[in-house]
PDB file of N, CA and C in Angstrom:
ATOM      1  N   MET A   1      -4.303  29.731 -18.446  1.00  0.00           N
ATOM      2  CA  MET A   1      -3.483  28.880 -17.604  1.00  0.00           C
ATOM      3  C   MET A   1      -2.282  28.401 -18.402  1.00  0.00           C
ATOM      4  N   ASP A   2      -1.147  28.427 -17.750  1.00  0.00           N
ATOM      5  CA  ASP A   2       0.017  27.939 -18.480  1.00  0.00           C
ATOM      6  C   ASP A   2       0.096  26.417 -18.410  1.00  0.00           C
ATOM      7  N   GLU A   3       0.840  25.859 -19.307  1.00  0.00           N
ATOM      8  CA  GLU A   3       0.886  24.399 -19.478  1.00  0.00           C
ATOM      9  C   GLU A   3       1.402  23.678 -18.229  1.00  0.00           C
ATOM     10  N   GLU A   4       2.374  24.276 -17.559  1.00  0.00           N
ATOM     11  CA  GLU A   4       2.932  23.649 -16.351  1.00  0.00           C
ATOM     12  C   GLU A   4       1.872  23.524 -15.257  1.00  0.00           C
ATOM     13  N   VAL A   5       1.067  24.558 -15.064  1.00  0.00           N
ATOM     14  CA  VAL A   5       0.004  24.526 -14.060  1.00  0.00           C
ATOM     15  C   VAL A   5      -1.048  23.494 -14.442  1.00  0.00           C
ATOM     16  N   ILE A   6      -1.442  23.467 -15.703  1.00  0.00           N
ATOM     17  CA  ILE A   6      -2.438  22.491 -16.162  1.00  0.00           C
ATOM     18  C   ILE A   6      -1.936  21.067 -15.919  1.00  0.00           C
ATOM     19  N   THR A   7      -0.674  20.831 -16.201  1.00  0.00           N
ATOM     20  CA  THR A   7      -0.092  19.503 -15.991  1.00  0.00           C
ATOM     21  C   THR A   7      -0.131  19.121 -14.516  1.00  0.00           C
ATOM     22  N   LYS A   8       0.233  20.048 -13.624  1.00  0.00           N
ATOM     23  CA  LYS A   8       0.200  19.769 -12.183  1.00  0.00           C
ATOM     24  C   LYS A   8      -1.229  19.508 -11.714  1.00  0.00           C
ATOM     25  N   LEU A   9      -2.173  20.326 -12.174  1.00  0.00           N
ATOM     26  CA  LEU A   9      -3.570  20.148 -11.781  1.00  0.00           C
ATOM     27  C   LEU A   9      -4.116  18.813 -12.280  1.00  0.00           C
ATOM     28  N   THR A  10      -3.742  18.441 -13.487  1.00  0.00           N
ATOM     29  CA  THR A  10      -4.176  17.162 -14.052  1.00  0.00           C
ATOM     30  C   THR A  10      -3.637  15.997 -13.227  1.00  0.00           C
ATOM     31  N   GLU A  11      -2.381  16.100 -12.808  1.00  0.00           N
ATOM     32  CA  GLU A  11      -1.794  15.042 -11.977  1.00  0.00           C
ATOM     33  C   GLU A  11      -2.493  14.954 -10.622  1.00  0.00           C
ATOM     34  N   LEU A  12      -2.808  16.102 -10.018  1.00  0.00           N
ATOM     35  CA  LEU A  12      -3.551  16.088  -8.756  1.00  0.00           C
ATOM     36  C   LEU A  12      -4.912  15.412  -8.928  1.00  0.00           C
ATOM     37  N   ALA A  13      -5.583  15.739 -10.023  1.00  0.00           N
ATOM     38  CA  ALA A  13      -6.896  15.145 -10.304  1.00  0.00           C
ATOM     39  C   ALA A  13      -6.775  13.633 -10.516  1.00  0.00           C
ATOM     40  N   LYS A  14      -5.767  13.209 -11.273  1.00  0.00           N
ATOM     41  CA  LYS A  14      -5.570  11.773 -11.507  1.00  0.00           C
ATOM     42  C   LYS A  14      -5.320  11.039 -10.192  1.00  0.00           C
ATOM     43  N   ASP A  15      -4.498  11.628  -9.339  1.00  0.00           N
ATOM     44  CA  ASP A  15      -4.206  10.995  -8.052  1.00  0.00           C
ATOM     45  C   ASP A  15      -5.473  10.874  -7.207  1.00  0.00           C
ATOM     46  N   LYS A  16      -6.247  11.940  -7.148  1.00  0.00           N
ATOM     47  CA  LYS A  16      -7.462  11.923  -6.332  1.00  0.00           C
ATOM     48  C   LYS A  16      -8.468  10.900  -6.850  1.00  0.00           C
ATOM     49  N   CYS A  17      -8.551  10.783  -8.161  1.00  0.00           N
ATOM     50  CA  CYS A  17      -9.493   9.841  -8.779  1.00  0.00           C
ATOM     51  C   CYS A  17      -8.927   8.422  -8.870  1.00  0.00           C
ATOM     52  N   ARG A  18      -7.726   8.253  -8.371  1.00  0.00           N
ATOM     53  CA  ARG A  18      -7.039   6.952  -8.379  1.00  0.00           C
ATOM     54  C   ARG A  18      -6.904   6.379  -9.796  1.00  0.00           C
ATOM     55  N   ILE A  19      -6.524   7.256 -10.703  1.00  0.00           N
ATOM     56  CA  ILE A  19      -6.294   6.844 -12.082  1.00  0.00           C
ATOM     57  C   ILE A  19      -4.813   6.524 -12.217  1.00  0.00           C
ATOM     58  N   SER A  20      -4.512   5.244 -12.322  1.00  0.00           N
ATOM     59  CA  SER A  20      -3.109   4.819 -12.405  1.00  0.00           C
ATOM     60  C   SER A  20      -2.712   4.409 -13.821  1.00  0.00           C
ATOM     61  N   TRP A  21      -3.690   4.284 -14.702  1.00  0.00           N
ATOM     62  CA  TRP A  21      -3.396   3.896 -16.067  1.00  0.00           C
ATOM     63  C   TRP A  21      -3.164   5.150 -16.915  1.00  0.00           C
ATOM     64  N   ASP A  22      -2.594   4.926 -18.068  1.00  0.00           N
ATOM     65  CA  ASP A  22      -2.247   6.044 -18.943  1.00  0.00           C
ATOM     66  C   ASP A  22      -2.725   5.744 -20.363  1.00  0.00           C
ATOM     67  N   ASP A  23      -3.836   6.364 -20.730  1.00  0.00           N
ATOM     68  CA  ASP A  23      -4.289   6.252 -22.117  1.00  0.00           C
ATOM     69  C   ASP A  23      -4.820   7.604 -22.581  1.00  0.00           C
ATOM     70  N   LYS A  24      -4.848   7.767 -23.878  1.00  0.00           N
ATOM     71  CA  LYS A  24      -5.173   9.050 -24.492  1.00  0.00           C
ATOM     72  C   LYS A  24      -6.549   9.577 -24.080  1.00  0.00           C
ATOM     73  N   ASP A  25      -7.574   8.751 -24.136  1.00  0.00           N
ATOM     74  CA  ASP A  25      -8.934   9.193 -23.829  1.00  0.00           C
ATOM     75  C   ASP A  25      -9.085   9.587 -22.357  1.00  0.00           C
ATOM     76  N   THR A  26      -8.534   8.784 -21.457  1.00  0.00           N
ATOM     77  CA  THR A  26      -8.615   9.104 -20.027  1.00  0.00           C
ATOM     78  C   THR A  26      -7.858  10.383 -19.727  1.00  0.00           C
ATOM     79  N   ASN A  27      -6.662  10.521 -20.288  1.00  0.00           N
ATOM     80  CA  ASN A  27      -5.863  11.725 -20.056  1.00  0.00           C
ATOM     81  C   ASN A  27      -6.584  12.974 -20.553  1.00  0.00           C
ATOM     82  N   LYS A  28      -7.228  12.864 -21.691  1.00  0.00           N
ATOM     83  CA  LYS A  28      -7.970  14.009 -22.229  1.00  0.00           C
ATOM     84  C   LYS A  28      -9.145  14.366 -21.314  1.00  0.00           C
ATOM     85  N   LYS A  29      -9.871  13.358 -20.853  1.00  0.00           N
ATOM     86  CA  LYS A  29     -11.025  13.605 -19.998  1.00  0.00           C
ATOM     87  C   LYS A  29     -10.617  14.218 -18.660  1.00  0.00           C
ATOM     88  N   ILE A  30      -9.578  13.675 -18.020  1.00  0.00           N
ATOM     89  CA  ILE A  30      -9.178  14.184 -16.711  1.00  0.00           C
ATOM     90  C   ILE A  30      -8.564  15.576 -16.837  1.00  0.00           C
ATOM     91  N   ARG A  31      -7.902  15.851 -17.939  1.00  0.00           N
ATOM     92  CA  ARG A  31      -7.362  17.203 -18.158  1.00  0.00           C
ATOM     93  C   ARG A  31      -8.510  18.205 -18.290  1.00  0.00           C
ATOM     94  N   THR A  32      -9.538  17.842 -19.041  1.00  0.00           N
ATOM     95  CA  THR A  32     -10.713  18.712 -19.190  1.00  0.00           C
ATOM     96  C   THR A  32     -11.383  18.939 -17.845  1.00  0.00           C
ATOM     97  N   ILE A  33     -11.511  17.887 -17.053  1.00  0.00           N
ATOM     98  CA  ILE A  33     -12.095  18.011 -15.721  1.00  0.00           C
ATOM     99  C   ILE A  33     -11.270  18.981 -14.872  1.00  0.00           C
ATOM    100  N   ALA A  34      -9.957  18.834 -14.889  1.00  0.00           N
ATOM    101  CA  ALA A  34      -9.076  19.695 -14.090  1.00  0.00           C
ATOM    102  C   ALA A  34      -9.168  21.151 -14.543  1.00  0.00           C
ATOM    103  N   GLU A  35      -9.168  21.384 -15.843  1.00  0.00           N
ATOM    104  CA  GLU A  35      -9.276  22.754 -16.360  1.00  0.00           C
ATOM    105  C   GLU A  35     -10.598  23.390 -15.953  1.00  0.00           C
ATOM    106  N   ASN A  36     -11.683  22.653 -16.126  1.00  0.00           N
ATOM    107  CA  ASN A  36     -13.003  23.175 -15.754  1.00  0.00           C
ATOM    108  C   ASN A  36     -13.103  23.409 -14.250  1.00  0.00           C
ATOM    109  N   ALA A  37     -12.582  22.483 -13.462  1.00  0.00           N
ATOM    110  CA  ALA A  37     -12.624  22.626 -12.003  1.00  0.00           C
ATOM    111  C   ALA A  37     -11.889  23.886 -11.561  1.00  0.00           C
ATOM    112  N   ALA A  38     -10.752  24.160 -12.160  1.00  0.00           N
ATOM    113  CA  ALA A  38      -9.983  25.356 -11.796  1.00  0.00           C
ATOM    114  C   ALA A  38     -10.779  26.627 -12.077  1.00  0.00           C
ATOM    115  N   VAL A  39     -11.423  26.689 -13.220  1.00  0.00           N
ATOM    116  CA  VAL A  39     -12.214  27.878 -13.575  1.00  0.00           C
ATOM    117  C   VAL A  39     -13.427  28.010 -12.656  1.00  0.00           C
ATOM    118  N   ILE A  40     -14.144  26.929 -12.459  1.00  0.00           N
ATOM    119  CA  ILE A  40     -15.358  26.949 -11.638  1.00  0.00           C
ATOM    120  C   ILE A  40     -15.034  27.316 -10.192  1.00  0.00           C
ATOM    121  N   LEU A  41     -14.001  26.690  -9.634  1.00  0.00           N
ATOM    122  CA  LEU A  41     -13.688  26.943  -8.231  1.00  0.00           C
ATOM    123  C   LEU A  41     -13.039  28.300  -8.007  1.00  0.00           C
ATOM    124  N   THR A  42     -12.282  28.783  -8.970  1.00  0.00           N
ATOM    125  CA  THR A  42     -11.734  30.134  -8.843  1.00  0.00           C
ATOM    126  C   THR A  42     -12.873  31.119  -8.643  1.00  0.00           C
ATOM    127  N   HIS A  43     -13.952  30.942  -9.379  1.00  0.00           N
ATOM    128  CA  HIS A  43     -15.126  31.799  -9.246  1.00  0.00           C
ATOM    129  C   HIS A  43     -15.854  31.546  -7.926  1.00  0.00           C
ATOM    130  N   LYS A  44     -16.163  30.291  -7.626  1.00  0.00           N
ATOM    131  CA  LYS A  44     -16.920  29.961  -6.407  1.00  0.00           C
ATOM    132  C   LYS A  44     -16.194  30.406  -5.141  1.00  0.00           C
ATOM    133  N   LEU A  45     -14.868  30.336  -5.166  1.00  0.00           N
ATOM    134  CA  LEU A  45     -14.086  30.659  -3.984  1.00  0.00           C
ATOM    135  C   LEU A  45     -13.691  32.136  -3.929  1.00  0.00           C
ATOM    136  N   GLY A  46     -14.096  32.904  -4.922  1.00  0.00           N
ATOM    137  CA  GLY A  46     -13.794  34.333  -4.934  1.00  0.00           C
ATOM    138  C   GLY A  46     -12.308  34.626  -5.037  1.00  0.00           C
ATOM    139  N   MET A  47     -11.612  33.792  -5.770  1.00  0.00           N
ATOM    140  CA  MET A  47     -10.161  33.931  -5.879  1.00  0.00           C
ATOM    141  C   MET A  47      -9.792  34.927  -6.966  1.00  0.00           C
ATOM    142  N   GLN A  48      -8.808  35.752  -6.669  1.00  0.00           N
ATOM    143  CA  GLN A  48      -8.264  36.633  -7.695  1.00  0.00           C
ATOM    144  C   GLN A  48      -6.921  36.105  -8.178  1.00  0.00           C
ATOM    145  N   LYS A  49      -6.469  35.030  -7.558  1.00  0.00           N
ATOM    146  CA  LYS A  49      -5.212  34.398  -7.955  1.00  0.00           C
ATOM    147  C   LYS A  49      -5.475  33.537  -9.181  1.00  0.00           C
ATOM    148  N   ASP A  50      -4.391  33.097  -9.789  1.00  0.00           N
ATOM    149  CA  ASP A  50      -4.593  32.160 -10.888  1.00  0.00           C
ATOM    150  C   ASP A  50      -4.727  30.745 -10.338  1.00  0.00           C
ATOM    151  N   ALA A  51      -4.958  29.817 -11.208  1.00  0.00           N
ATOM    152  CA  ALA A  51      -5.222  28.431 -10.811  1.00  0.00           C
ATOM    153  C   ALA A  51      -4.024  27.761 -10.156  1.00  0.00           C
ATOM    154  N   ALA A  52      -2.853  28.361 -10.228  1.00  0.00           N
ATOM    155  CA  ALA A  52      -1.674  27.782  -9.582  1.00  0.00           C
ATOM    156  C   ALA A  52      -1.883  27.652  -8.074  1.00  0.00           C
ATOM    157  N   ALA A  53      -2.792  28.443  -7.501  1.00  0.00           N
ATOM    158  CA  ALA A  53      -3.083  28.355  -6.067  1.00  0.00           C
ATOM    159  C   ALA A  53      -3.592  26.966  -5.694  1.00  0.00           C
ATOM    160  N   PHE A  54      -4.191  26.259  -6.633  1.00  0.00           N
ATOM    161  CA  PHE A  54      -4.711  24.918  -6.350  1.00  0.00           C
ATOM    162  C   PHE A  54      -3.596  23.878  -6.251  1.00  0.00           C
ATOM    163  N   THR A  55      -2.396  24.225  -6.654  1.00  0.00           N
ATOM    164  CA  THR A  55      -1.282  23.274  -6.564  1.00  0.00           C
ATOM    165  C   THR A  55      -0.619  23.314  -5.191  1.00  0.00           C
ATOM    166  N   GLU A  56      -0.947  24.329  -4.392  1.00  0.00           N
ATOM    167  CA  GLU A  56      -0.357  24.474  -3.064  1.00  0.00           C
ATOM    168  C   GLU A  56      -1.241  23.780  -2.026  1.00  0.00           C
ATOM    169  N   PRO A  57      -0.620  23.167  -1.009  1.00  0.00           N
ATOM    170  CA  PRO A  57      -1.415  22.501   0.023  1.00  0.00           C
ATOM    171  C   PRO A  57      -2.373  23.472   0.715  1.00  0.00           C
ATOM    172  N   GLY A  58      -3.538  22.976   1.063  1.00  0.00           N
ATOM    173  CA  GLY A  58      -4.508  23.789   1.777  1.00  0.00           C
ATOM    174  C   GLY A  58      -5.931  23.452   1.377  1.00  0.00           C
ATOM    175  N   GLN A  59      -6.845  24.242   1.903  1.00  0.00           N
ATOM    176  CA  GLN A  59      -8.263  23.981   1.685  1.00  0.00           C
ATOM    177  C   GLN A  59      -8.661  24.148   0.215  1.00  0.00           C
ATOM    178  N   ALA A  60      -8.094  25.132  -0.469  1.00  0.00           N
ATOM    179  CA  ALA A  60      -8.436  25.332  -1.881  1.00  0.00           C
ATOM    180  C   ALA A  60      -8.050  24.103  -2.699  1.00  0.00           C
ATOM    181  N   ARG A  61      -6.871  23.546  -2.434  1.00  0.00           N
ATOM    182  CA  ARG A  61      -6.452  22.341  -3.168  1.00  0.00           C
ATOM    183  C   ARG A  61      -7.352  21.160  -2.833  1.00  0.00           C
ATOM    184  N   MET A  62      -7.719  21.021  -1.560  1.00  0.00           N
ATOM    185  CA  MET A  62      -8.609  19.930  -1.157  1.00  0.00           C
ATOM    186  C   MET A  62      -9.942  20.049  -1.906  1.00  0.00           C
ATOM    187  N   LEU A  63     -10.476  21.264  -1.991  1.00  0.00           N
ATOM    188  CA  LEU A  63     -11.735  21.466  -2.715  1.00  0.00           C
ATOM    189  C   LEU A  63     -11.566  21.158  -4.194  1.00  0.00           C
ATOM    190  N   PHE A  64     -10.449  21.596  -4.770  1.00  0.00           N
ATOM    191  CA  PHE A  64     -10.172  21.303  -6.183  1.00  0.00           C
ATOM    192  C   PHE A  64     -10.146  19.794  -6.420  1.00  0.00           C
ATOM    193  N   GLU A  65      -9.380  19.079  -5.610  1.00  0.00           N
ATOM    194  CA  GLU A  65      -9.260  17.633  -5.789  1.00  0.00           C
ATOM    195  C   GLU A  65     -10.610  16.932  -5.635  1.00  0.00           C
ATOM    196  N   ASN A  66     -11.368  17.337  -4.637  1.00  0.00           N
ATOM    197  CA  ASN A  66     -12.669  16.704  -4.429  1.00  0.00           C
ATOM    198  C   ASN A  66     -13.662  17.051  -5.532  1.00  0.00           C
ATOM    199  N   TYR A  67     -13.609  18.294  -6.041  1.00  0.00           N
ATOM    200  CA  TYR A  67     -14.483  18.645  -7.164  1.00  0.00           C
ATOM    201  C   TYR A  67     -14.149  17.748  -8.372  1.00  0.00           C
ATOM    202  N   CYS A  68     -12.871  17.530  -8.610  1.00  0.00           N
ATOM    203  CA  CYS A  68     -12.470  16.652  -9.720  1.00  0.00           C
ATOM    204  C   CYS A  68     -12.995  15.237  -9.524  1.00  0.00           C
ATOM    205  N   LEU A  69     -12.914  14.741  -8.294  1.00  0.00           N
ATOM    206  CA  LEU A  69     -13.430  13.399  -7.997  1.00  0.00           C
ATOM    207  C   LEU A  69     -14.934  13.329  -8.249  1.00  0.00           C
ATOM    208  N   TYR A  70     -15.663  14.346  -7.812  1.00  0.00           N
ATOM    209  CA  TYR A  70     -17.108  14.381  -8.043  1.00  0.00           C
ATOM    210  C   TYR A  70     -17.403  14.434  -9.546  1.00  0.00           C
ATOM    211  N   ASP A  71     -16.642  15.244 -10.275  1.00  0.00           N
ATOM    212  CA  ASP A  71     -16.860  15.350 -11.719  1.00  0.00           C
ATOM    213  C   ASP A  71     -16.542  14.024 -12.409  1.00  0.00           C
ATOM    214  N   TRP A  72     -15.465  13.385 -12.018  1.00  0.00           N
ATOM    215  CA  TRP A  72     -15.085  12.084 -12.594  1.00  0.00           C
ATOM    216  C   TRP A  72     -16.211  11.065 -12.430  1.00  0.00           C
ATOM    217  N   ASN A  73     -16.936  11.181 -11.327  1.00  0.00           N
ATOM    218  CA  ASN A  73     -18.039  10.261 -11.037  1.00  0.00           C
ATOM    219  C   ASN A  73     -19.407  10.831 -11.417  1.00  0.00           C
ATOM    220  N   ASN A  74     -19.410  11.890 -12.214  1.00  0.00           N
ATOM    221  CA  ASN A  74     -20.640  12.531 -12.686  1.00  0.00           C
ATOM    222  C   ASN A  74     -21.569  12.925 -11.531  1.00  0.00           C
ATOM    223  N   MET A  75     -20.983  13.525 -10.491  1.00  0.00           N
ATOM    224  CA  MET A  75     -21.743  13.891  -9.302  1.00  0.00           C
ATOM    225  C   MET A  75     -21.547  15.362  -8.919  1.00  0.00           C
ATOM    226  N   THR A  76     -21.252  16.239  -9.858  1.00  0.00           N
ATOM    227  CA  THR A  76     -20.963  17.636  -9.514  1.00  0.00           C
ATOM    228  C   THR A  76     -22.132  18.327  -8.823  1.00  0.00           C
ATOM    229  N   ALA A  77     -23.349  17.897  -9.088  1.00  0.00           N
ATOM    230  CA  ALA A  77     -24.508  18.517  -8.438  1.00  0.00           C
ATOM    231  C   ALA A  77     -24.466  18.315  -6.925  1.00  0.00           C
ATOM    232  N   GLU A  78     -23.826  17.273  -6.478  1.00  0.00           N
ATOM    233  CA  GLU A  78     -23.724  16.979  -5.052  1.00  0.00           C
ATOM    234  C   GLU A  78     -22.568  17.724  -4.371  1.00  0.00           C
ATOM    235  N   PHE A  79     -21.600  18.161  -5.141  1.00  0.00           N
ATOM    236  CA  PHE A  79     -20.397  18.760  -4.564  1.00  0.00           C
ATOM    237  C   PHE A  79     -20.703  19.975  -3.705  1.00  0.00           C
ATOM    238  N   GLU A  80     -21.395  20.945  -4.250  1.00  0.00           N
ATOM    239  CA  GLU A  80     -21.636  22.183  -3.513  1.00  0.00           C
ATOM    240  C   GLU A  80     -22.447  21.920  -2.245  1.00  0.00           C
ATOM    241  N   LYS A  81     -23.391  21.026  -2.333  1.00  0.00           N
ATOM    242  CA  LYS A  81     -24.194  20.681  -1.152  1.00  0.00           C
ATOM    243  C   LYS A  81     -23.315  20.065  -0.065  1.00  0.00           C
ATOM    244  N   ASN A  82     -22.426  19.178  -0.439  1.00  0.00           N
ATOM    245  CA  ASN A  82     -21.588  18.479   0.536  1.00  0.00           C
ATOM    246  C   ASN A  82     -20.427  19.315   1.064  1.00  0.00           C
ATOM    247  N   TYR A  83     -20.008  20.328   0.314  1.00  0.00           N
ATOM    248  CA  TYR A  83     -18.850  21.140   0.712  1.00  0.00           C
ATOM    249  C   TYR A  83     -19.206  22.610   0.915  1.00  0.00           C
ATOM    250  N   LYS A  84     -20.459  22.895   1.162  1.00  0.00           N
ATOM    251  CA  LYS A  84     -20.920  24.282   1.294  1.00  0.00           C
ATOM    252  C   LYS A  84     -20.137  25.040   2.364  1.00  0.00           C
ATOM    253  N   SER A  85     -19.974  24.441   3.512  1.00  0.00           N
ATOM    254  CA  SER A  85     -19.268  25.106   4.605  1.00  0.00           C
ATOM    255  C   SER A  85     -17.819  25.431   4.228  1.00  0.00           C
ATOM    256  N   GLU A  86     -17.130  24.482   3.633  1.00  0.00           N
ATOM    257  CA  GLU A  86     -15.739  24.685   3.235  1.00  0.00           C
ATOM    258  C   GLU A  86     -15.632  25.741   2.136  1.00  0.00           C
ATOM    259  N   ILE A  87     -16.572  25.730   1.192  1.00  0.00           N
ATOM    260  CA  ILE A  87     -16.584  26.721   0.118  1.00  0.00           C
ATOM    261  C   ILE A  87     -16.765  28.118   0.707  1.00  0.00           C
ATOM    262  N   LEU A  88     -17.722  28.263   1.611  1.00  0.00           N
ATOM    263  CA  LEU A  88     -17.976  29.567   2.222  1.00  0.00           C
ATOM    264  C   LEU A  88     -16.793  30.048   3.055  1.00  0.00           C
ATOM    265  N   THR A  89     -16.161  29.140   3.776  1.00  0.00           N
ATOM    266  CA  THR A  89     -14.992  29.501   4.573  1.00  0.00           C
ATOM    267  C   THR A  89     -13.860  29.998   3.682  1.00  0.00           C
ATOM    268  N   GLU A  90     -13.588  29.270   2.617  1.00  0.00           N
ATOM    269  CA  GLU A  90     -12.505  29.660   1.701  1.00  0.00           C
ATOM    270  C   GLU A  90     -12.853  30.962   0.978  1.00  0.00           C
ATOM    271  N   ARG A  91     -14.110  31.118   0.593  1.00  0.00           N
ATOM    272  CA  ARG A  91     -14.542  32.353  -0.075  1.00  0.00           C
ATOM    273  C   ARG A  91     -14.377  33.548   0.864  1.00  0.00           C
ATOM    274  N   HIS A  92     -14.772  33.379   2.120  1.00  0.00           N
ATOM    275  CA  HIS A  92     -14.629  34.455   3.102  1.00  0.00           C
ATOM    276  C   HIS A  92     -13.152  34.835   3.260  1.00  0.00           C
ATOM    277  N   LYS A  93     -12.287  33.839   3.378  1.00  0.00           N
ATOM    278  CA  LYS A  93     -10.844  34.088   3.502  1.00  0.00           C
ATOM    279  C   LYS A  93     -10.334  34.889   2.310  1.00  0.00           C
ATOM    280  N   ASN A  94     -10.753  34.503   1.110  1.00  0.00           N
ATOM    281  CA  ASN A  94     -10.311  35.206  -0.101  1.00  0.00           C
ATOM    282  C   ASN A  94     -10.862  36.623  -0.165  1.00  0.00           C
ATOM    283  N   GLU A  95     -12.090  36.811   0.255  1.00  0.00           N
ATOM    284  CA  GLU A  95     -12.680  38.160   0.251  1.00  0.00           C
ATOM    285  C   GLU A  95     -11.914  39.075   1.207  1.00  0.00           C
ATOM    286  N   VAL A  96     -11.522  38.561   2.371  1.00  0.00           N
ATOM    287  CA  VAL A  96     -10.743  39.353   3.321  1.00  0.00           C
ATOM    288  C   VAL A  96      -9.387  39.702   2.714  1.00  0.00           C
ATOM    289  N   GLU A  97      -8.717  38.725   2.117  1.00  0.00           N
ATOM    290  CA  GLU A  97      -7.414  38.973   1.475  1.00  0.00           C
ATOM    291  C   GLU A  97      -7.554  39.983   0.346  1.00  0.00           C
ATOM    292  N   ASN A  98      -8.583  39.836  -0.473  1.00  0.00           N
ATOM    293  CA  ASN A  98      -8.794  40.760  -1.590  1.00  0.00           C
ATOM    294  C   ASN A  98      -9.075  42.160  -1.085  1.00  0.00           C
ATOM    295  N   GLY A  99      -9.804  42.278   0.029  1.00  0.00           N
ATOM    296  CA  GLY A  99     -10.087  43.579   0.618  1.00  0.00           C
ATOM    297  C   GLY A  99      -8.829  44.257   1.123  1.00  0.00           C
ATOM    298  N   ARG A 100      -7.927  43.481   1.706  1.00  0.00           N
ATOM    299  CA  ARG A 100      -6.653  44.026   2.188  1.00  0.00           C
ATOM    300  C   ARG A 100      -5.815  44.561   1.036  1.00  0.00           C
ATOM    301  N   LYS A 101      -5.824  43.861  -0.078  1.00  0.00           N
ATOM    302  CA  LYS A 101      -5.030  44.278  -1.231  1.00  0.00           C
ATOM    303  C   LYS A 101      -5.522  45.593  -1.821  1.00  0.00           C
ATOM    304  N   LYS A 102      -6.809  45.879  -1.681  1.00  0.00           N
ATOM    305  CA  LYS A 102      -7.371  47.110  -2.225  1.00  0.00           C
ATOM    306  C   LYS A 102      -7.010  48.324  -1.391  1.00  0.00           C
ATOM    307  N   ASP A 103      -6.761  48.093  -0.094  1.00  0.00           N
ATOM    308  CA  ASP A 103      -6.452  49.214   0.818  1.00  0.00           C
ATOM    309  C   ASP A 103      -5.058  49.757   0.619  1.00  0.00           C
TER     310      ASP A 103
END
């Protein structure tokens, strides 16, 4: 991931988690959460795009932001259960797009 994308993803995560303060430890933690969320969700959603797709409005970004919120609150085990339908819908959309690209 390039630095510009990581910075945008980190800002999205901070906004979703309502982090308005700026300190070194918090910034490091939320950046790690954003980086991990991008990797995990790229896989779960069957994306062949890079993580920059999470910076664009839509369901993938909503899932990214919510995964970050769950991670910030140490609740990632609950995320997939609560967003199963949305994950499957986005994964199906990506599988169809990926199939078209192969043809």
